Amino acid sequence: MSNFATVAELSAYLARDIDNAEASATLALALASDAVRADIGQDIELVEDDEVTLDGTGTVLLLLPQTPVTEVSIVEEDGEALTFDEEYLWTSWGGLTRLKRPWVSTPRRIVVTYSHGYSTVPGPIKAATLALAGRLIDAPAGVKQETIGAYSVTYAAGTPTLGETEARLLDQYRNR
């Protein structure tokens, strides 16, 4: 999976040249992107024709694991293809509604091929990624403060994580 921001964007965000630390910046962006993905429970990038096998719910509603849903091309229940608008409907937020009767209640009996995600990383996701990557660049190995004369070092409390502001930015994208 790709990073949600580029080294050039991180350099602009930090308002300084980080070309001499490109490997560190790339790693910080990868770690920050993965932290954002884990926090919201979504892949974010556009994935076309993703096939998933789901457990039946025994209700009329089934939730697809990734959003936003951009297309549902195939839905099979117990090996039989269903017809859109006659047997099921779908929503961009991942709801798959069975018409006329509930979904089966058996595990691994529903196979869905669908497309999901964003073709461009949304601004709030990029902002949260840049904020965390910036903290990772500015506090390598958890160092908060370092003094050279009569050497002294202070470590930050734990690894930088998503803060409250970033969490609020990501709320609308979080898998619920």
Protein backbone atom coordinates (compact mmCIF):
# COMPACT_ATOMS: atom_id res chain seq x y z
CA MET A 1 0.00 0.00 0.00
CA SER A 2 1.18 3.47 -0.72
CA ASN A 3 1.85 6.37 1.60
CA PHE A 4 -0.85 9.01 2.02
CA ALA A 5 1.62 11.87 1.45
CA THR A 6 4.92 12.46 -0.33
CA VAL A 7 8.33 13.48 0.98
CA ALA A 8 7.87 16.85 -0.79
CA GLU A 9 4.56 17.38 1.02
CA LEU A 10 6.18 16.47 4.35
CA SER A 11 8.99 18.93 3.63
CA ALA A 12 6.42 21.66 2.90
CA TYR A 13 4.42 20.72 6.02
CA LEU A 14 7.55 21.00 8.19
CA ALA A 15 8.59 24.19 6.34
CA ARG A 16 12.12 22.94 5.83
CA ASP A 17 14.18 20.96 3.36
CA ILE A 18 14.38 17.28 4.28
CA ASP A 19 15.95 16.00 1.04
CA ASN A 20 19.05 14.93 2.98
CA ALA A 21 16.84 12.70 5.14
CA GLU A 22 14.66 11.22 2.38
CA ALA A 23 14.96 7.63 3.66
CA SER A 24 13.87 8.71 7.15
CA ALA A 25 11.04 10.81 5.73
CA THR A 26 9.83 7.91 3.56
CA LEU A 27 9.89 5.59 6.57
CA ALA A 28 8.06 8.15 8.75
CA LEU A 29 5.38 8.55 6.06
CA ALA A 30 4.99 4.77 5.74
CA LEU A 31 4.65 4.35 9.52
CA ALA A 32 2.22 7.26 9.76
CA SER A 33 0.13 5.98 6.82
CA ASP A 34 -0.06 2.53 8.41
CA ALA A 35 -1.05 4.07 11.76
CA VAL A 36 -3.87 6.01 10.08
CA ARG A 37 -5.04 2.88 8.22
CA ALA A 38 -5.05 0.90 11.47
CA ASP A 39 -6.88 3.65 13.36
CA ILE A 40 -9.72 4.00 10.86
CA GLY A 41 -9.85 0.34 9.80
CA GLN A 42 -9.90 1.23 6.10
CA ASP A 43 -7.48 0.83 3.18
CA ILE A 44 -8.40 4.31 1.78
CA GLU A 45 -6.87 3.84 -1.70
CA LEU A 46 -9.19 2.93 -4.56
CA VAL A 47 -9.43 -0.85 -5.02
CA GLU A 48 -11.38 -2.12 -7.98
CA ASP A 49 -13.07 -5.53 -8.18
CA ASP A 50 -12.14 -6.62 -4.66
CA GLU A 51 -13.67 -10.01 -3.88
CA VAL A 52 -14.69 -10.75 -0.29
CA THR A 53 -16.37 -13.74 1.28
CA LEU A 54 -18.72 -12.79 4.10
CA ASP A 55 -20.72 -14.51 6.79
CA GLY A 56 -24.46 -14.29 6.42
CA THR A 57 -26.21 -12.22 9.08
CA GLY A 58 -29.70 -13.72 9.00
CA THR A 59 -30.96 -10.12 8.65
CA VAL A 60 -31.69 -7.96 5.61
CA LEU A 61 -28.53 -5.85 6.14
CA LEU A 62 -24.95 -6.87 5.49
CA LEU A 63 -21.99 -4.51 5.89
CA LEU A 64 -19.11 -4.57 3.45
CA PRO A 65 -15.71 -4.23 5.16
CA GLN A 66 -14.31 -1.29 3.14
CA THR A 67 -15.88 2.07 2.31
CA PRO A 68 -16.77 4.17 0.47
CA VAL A 69 -18.27 1.68 -1.94
CA THR A 70 -18.11 2.93 -5.52
CA GLU A 71 -19.54 -0.11 -7.29
CA VAL A 72 -20.91 -3.56 -6.55
CA SER A 73 -20.55 -5.78 -9.61
CA ILE A 74 -21.31 -9.30 -8.33
CA VAL A 75 -23.20 -10.65 -5.33
CA GLU A 76 -23.53 -14.40 -4.86
CA GLU A 77 -25.39 -16.13 -2.05
CA ASP A 78 -24.86 -19.88 -1.69
CA GLY A 79 -23.28 -19.92 -5.18
CA GLU A 80 -26.20 -18.20 -6.92
CA ALA A 81 -25.78 -14.77 -8.53
CA LEU A 82 -28.23 -12.15 -7.29
CA THR A 83 -29.74 -9.38 -9.39
CA PHE A 84 -29.25 -5.75 -8.39
CA ASP A 85 -32.49 -3.81 -7.81
CA GLU A 86 -34.50 -7.04 -7.65
CA GLU A 87 -32.71 -9.02 -4.94
CA TYR A 88 -30.30 -6.53 -3.34
CA LEU A 89 -29.36 -2.84 -3.11
CA TRP A 90 -26.08 -1.23 -2.01
CA THR A 91 -25.00 2.08 -0.50
CA SER A 92 -21.75 4.04 -0.60
CA TRP A 93 -21.36 3.58 3.18
CA GLY A 94 -21.14 -0.19 2.69
CA GLY A 95 -24.68 -1.38 3.33
CA LEU A 96 -25.83 -4.33 1.26
CA THR A 97 -29.60 -4.76 1.69
CA ARG A 98 -31.28 -8.03 0.73
CA LEU A 99 -34.72 -7.48 -0.77
CA LYS A 100 -37.70 -9.87 -0.27
CA ARG A 101 -35.96 -11.97 2.42
CA PRO A 102 -32.98 -11.88 4.83
CA TRP A 103 -29.45 -12.94 4.00
CA VAL A 104 -28.60 -16.53 4.90
CA SER A 105 -27.28 -16.95 8.42
CA THR A 106 -24.53 -19.37 7.43
CA PRO A 107 -20.83 -18.45 7.64
CA ARG A 108 -18.88 -17.77 4.43
CA ARG A 109 -21.85 -18.10 2.07
CA ILE A 110 -21.91 -14.64 0.53
CA VAL A 111 -19.32 -13.59 -2.05
CA VAL A 112 -19.23 -9.95 -3.16
CA THR A 113 -17.08 -8.34 -5.83
CA TYR A 114 -16.99 -4.59 -5.35
CA SER A 115 -14.88 -1.45 -5.74
CA HIS A 116 -14.12 0.84 -2.82
CA GLY A 117 -11.92 3.66 -1.61
CA TYR A 118 -10.77 7.05 -2.87
CA SER A 119 -8.92 7.84 -6.10
CA THR A 120 -7.31 10.80 -4.28
CA VAL A 121 -6.35 10.76 -0.60
CA PRO A 122 -8.82 13.03 1.26
CA GLY A 123 -7.32 16.15 2.87
CA PRO A 124 -8.05 15.20 6.51
CA ILE A 125 -6.31 11.83 6.04
CA LYS A 126 -3.30 13.51 4.46
CA ALA A 127 -3.22 16.12 7.26
CA ALA A 128 -3.25 13.48 10.01
CA THR A 129 -0.53 11.51 8.20
CA LEU A 130 1.69 14.58 7.81
CA ALA A 131 1.23 15.57 11.46
CA LEU A 132 2.26 12.14 12.73
CA ALA A 133 5.12 11.78 10.21
CA GLY A 134 6.36 15.23 11.25
CA ARG A 135 6.49 14.15 14.89
CA LEU A 136 8.32 10.96 13.91
CA ILE A 137 10.92 13.00 11.98
CA ASP A 138 11.32 15.54 14.78
CA ALA A 139 11.66 12.94 17.56
CA PRO A 140 13.77 10.11 16.12
CA ALA A 141 14.03 7.10 18.41
CA GLY A 142 11.82 8.86 20.94
CA VAL A 143 14.41 11.52 21.85
CA LYS A 144 12.68 14.63 23.20
CA GLN A 145 15.72 16.62 24.30
CA GLU A 146 19.48 16.17 24.00
CA THR A 147 22.34 18.19 25.57
CA ILE A 148 25.93 17.74 24.42
CA GLY A 149 28.01 19.37 27.23
CA ALA A 150 28.00 16.89 30.15
CA TYR A 151 25.84 14.70 27.91
CA SER A 152 22.15 14.45 28.80
CA VAL A 153 19.21 12.96 26.93
CA THR A 154 15.47 12.99 27.62
CA TYR A 155 13.18 10.49 25.91
CA ALA A 156 9.63 11.24 24.90
CA ALA A 157 6.85 9.34 26.63
CA GLY A 158 6.35 6.49 24.18
CA THR A 159 6.25 6.42 20.41
CA PRO A 160 4.45 9.29 18.70
CA THR A 161 0.85 8.34 18.07
CA LEU A 162 -2.16 10.00 16.53
CA GLY A 163 -3.24 12.90 18.69
CA GLU A 164 -6.72 14.10 19.57
CA THR A 165 -6.82 16.58 16.69
CA GLU A 166 -5.84 13.91 14.15
CA ALA A 167 -8.38 11.49 15.63
CA ARG A 168 -11.12 14.09 15.12
CA LEU A 169 -9.98 14.62 11.53
CA LEU A 170 -10.26 10.87 10.91
CA ASP A 171 -13.64 10.31 12.61
CA GLN A 172 -15.63 10.54 9.38
CA TYR A 173 -13.48 7.84 7.74
CA ARG A 174 -13.38 5.39 10.64
CA ASN A 175 -14.81 1.92 10.06
CA ARG A 176 -17.62 1.53 12.54
